[in-house]
Amino acid sequence: MEDKLFWAAIALLALVILWAAWRYWRFYQREHFVCPQCGHRWKPPLGQMVFSVNAVEGKVLRCPHCGEKVYVEPVKDR
């Protein structure tokens, strides 16, 4: 019984990781951020996306151009 529970937990963890990877891939294909301070448009590195603070729809990120830590919401690519 414990063996089945272990493998079920592993399968669930794998599904969560695959879902998160798909979401980030989808973001990089369709969206970017725009700094409200300087107007710079960018797609943050994966590490910054994973470890940044989530807030409502957007994230709190540091702009690579002006260095300000700002709340940004994703904007669809054209």
Protein backbone atom coordinates (compact mmCIF):
# COMPACT_ATOMS: atom_id res chain seq x y z
CA MET A 1 0.00 0.00 0.00
CA GLU A 2 2.80 2.44 0.88
CA ASP A 3 4.45 1.70 -2.46
CA LYS A 4 1.32 2.73 -4.39
CA LEU A 5 0.98 5.91 -2.36
CA PHE A 6 4.63 6.80 -3.04
CA TRP A 7 4.23 6.36 -6.80
CA ALA A 8 0.97 8.30 -6.81
CA ALA A 9 2.74 11.20 -5.07
CA ILE A 10 5.61 11.02 -7.60
CA ALA A 11 3.12 11.04 -10.50
CA LEU A 12 1.27 14.04 -9.02
CA LEU A 13 4.54 15.93 -8.53
CA ALA A 14 5.56 15.17 -12.13
CA LEU A 15 2.21 16.48 -13.40
CA VAL A 16 2.59 19.71 -11.41
CA ILE A 17 6.11 20.24 -12.76
CA LEU A 18 4.96 19.60 -16.34
CA TRP A 19 2.03 22.00 -15.91
CA ALA A 20 4.34 24.74 -14.57
CA ALA A 21 6.82 24.19 -17.42
CA TRP A 22 4.00 24.42 -19.97
CA ARG A 23 2.74 27.69 -18.41
CA TYR A 24 6.20 29.30 -18.57
CA TRP A 25 6.74 28.08 -22.14
CA ARG A 26 3.38 29.56 -23.08
CA PHE A 27 4.30 32.89 -21.46
CA TYR A 28 7.58 33.07 -23.40
CA GLN A 29 5.72 32.37 -26.64
CA ARG A 30 3.00 35.02 -26.19
CA GLU A 31 3.70 37.62 -23.50
CA HIS A 32 6.21 40.12 -22.09
CA PHE A 33 6.39 42.77 -19.38
CA VAL A 34 6.59 46.58 -19.67
CA CYS A 35 8.23 48.62 -16.90
CA PRO A 36 5.83 51.36 -15.69
CA GLN A 37 8.82 53.55 -14.73
CA CYS A 38 10.85 53.62 -17.97
CA GLY A 39 8.71 51.76 -20.56
CA HIS A 40 11.31 49.06 -21.20
CA ARG A 41 9.84 45.80 -22.61
CA TRP A 42 11.40 42.49 -21.60
CA LYS A 43 10.94 38.79 -20.97
CA PRO A 44 12.62 37.89 -17.68
CA PRO A 45 14.88 34.86 -17.32
CA LEU A 46 13.20 31.66 -16.13
CA GLY A 47 14.84 31.85 -12.70
CA GLN A 48 13.49 35.34 -12.14
CA MET A 49 10.02 34.22 -13.21
CA VAL A 50 10.04 31.22 -10.88
CA PHE A 51 11.41 32.95 -7.78
CA SER A 52 9.73 36.37 -8.10
CA VAL A 53 6.75 37.42 -6.01
CA ASN A 54 3.36 36.70 -7.59
CA ALA A 55 0.79 39.45 -7.12
CA VAL A 56 -2.80 39.26 -8.45
CA GLU A 57 -2.31 38.99 -12.24
CA GLY A 58 1.32 40.08 -12.45
CA LYS A 59 4.64 39.87 -10.68
CA VAL A 60 7.00 42.05 -8.72
CA LEU A 61 10.20 42.18 -10.81
CA ARG A 62 13.32 44.30 -11.12
CA CYS A 63 13.50 46.10 -14.47
CA PRO A 64 16.77 45.23 -16.25
CA HIS A 65 16.90 48.72 -17.79
CA CYS A 66 16.26 51.15 -14.91
CA GLY A 67 16.81 48.77 -11.97
CA GLU A 68 13.52 49.65 -10.24
CA LYS A 69 11.60 46.90 -8.46
CA VAL A 70 8.06 47.25 -9.85
CA TYR A 71 4.74 45.47 -10.12
CA VAL A 72 4.17 44.46 -13.76
CA GLU A 73 1.36 42.64 -15.51
CA PRO A 74 1.95 40.54 -18.62
CA VAL A 75 1.24 42.15 -22.00
CA LYS A 76 0.43 40.10 -25.11
CA ASP A 77 3.04 40.17 -27.88
CA ARG A 78 1.91 41.66 -31.15
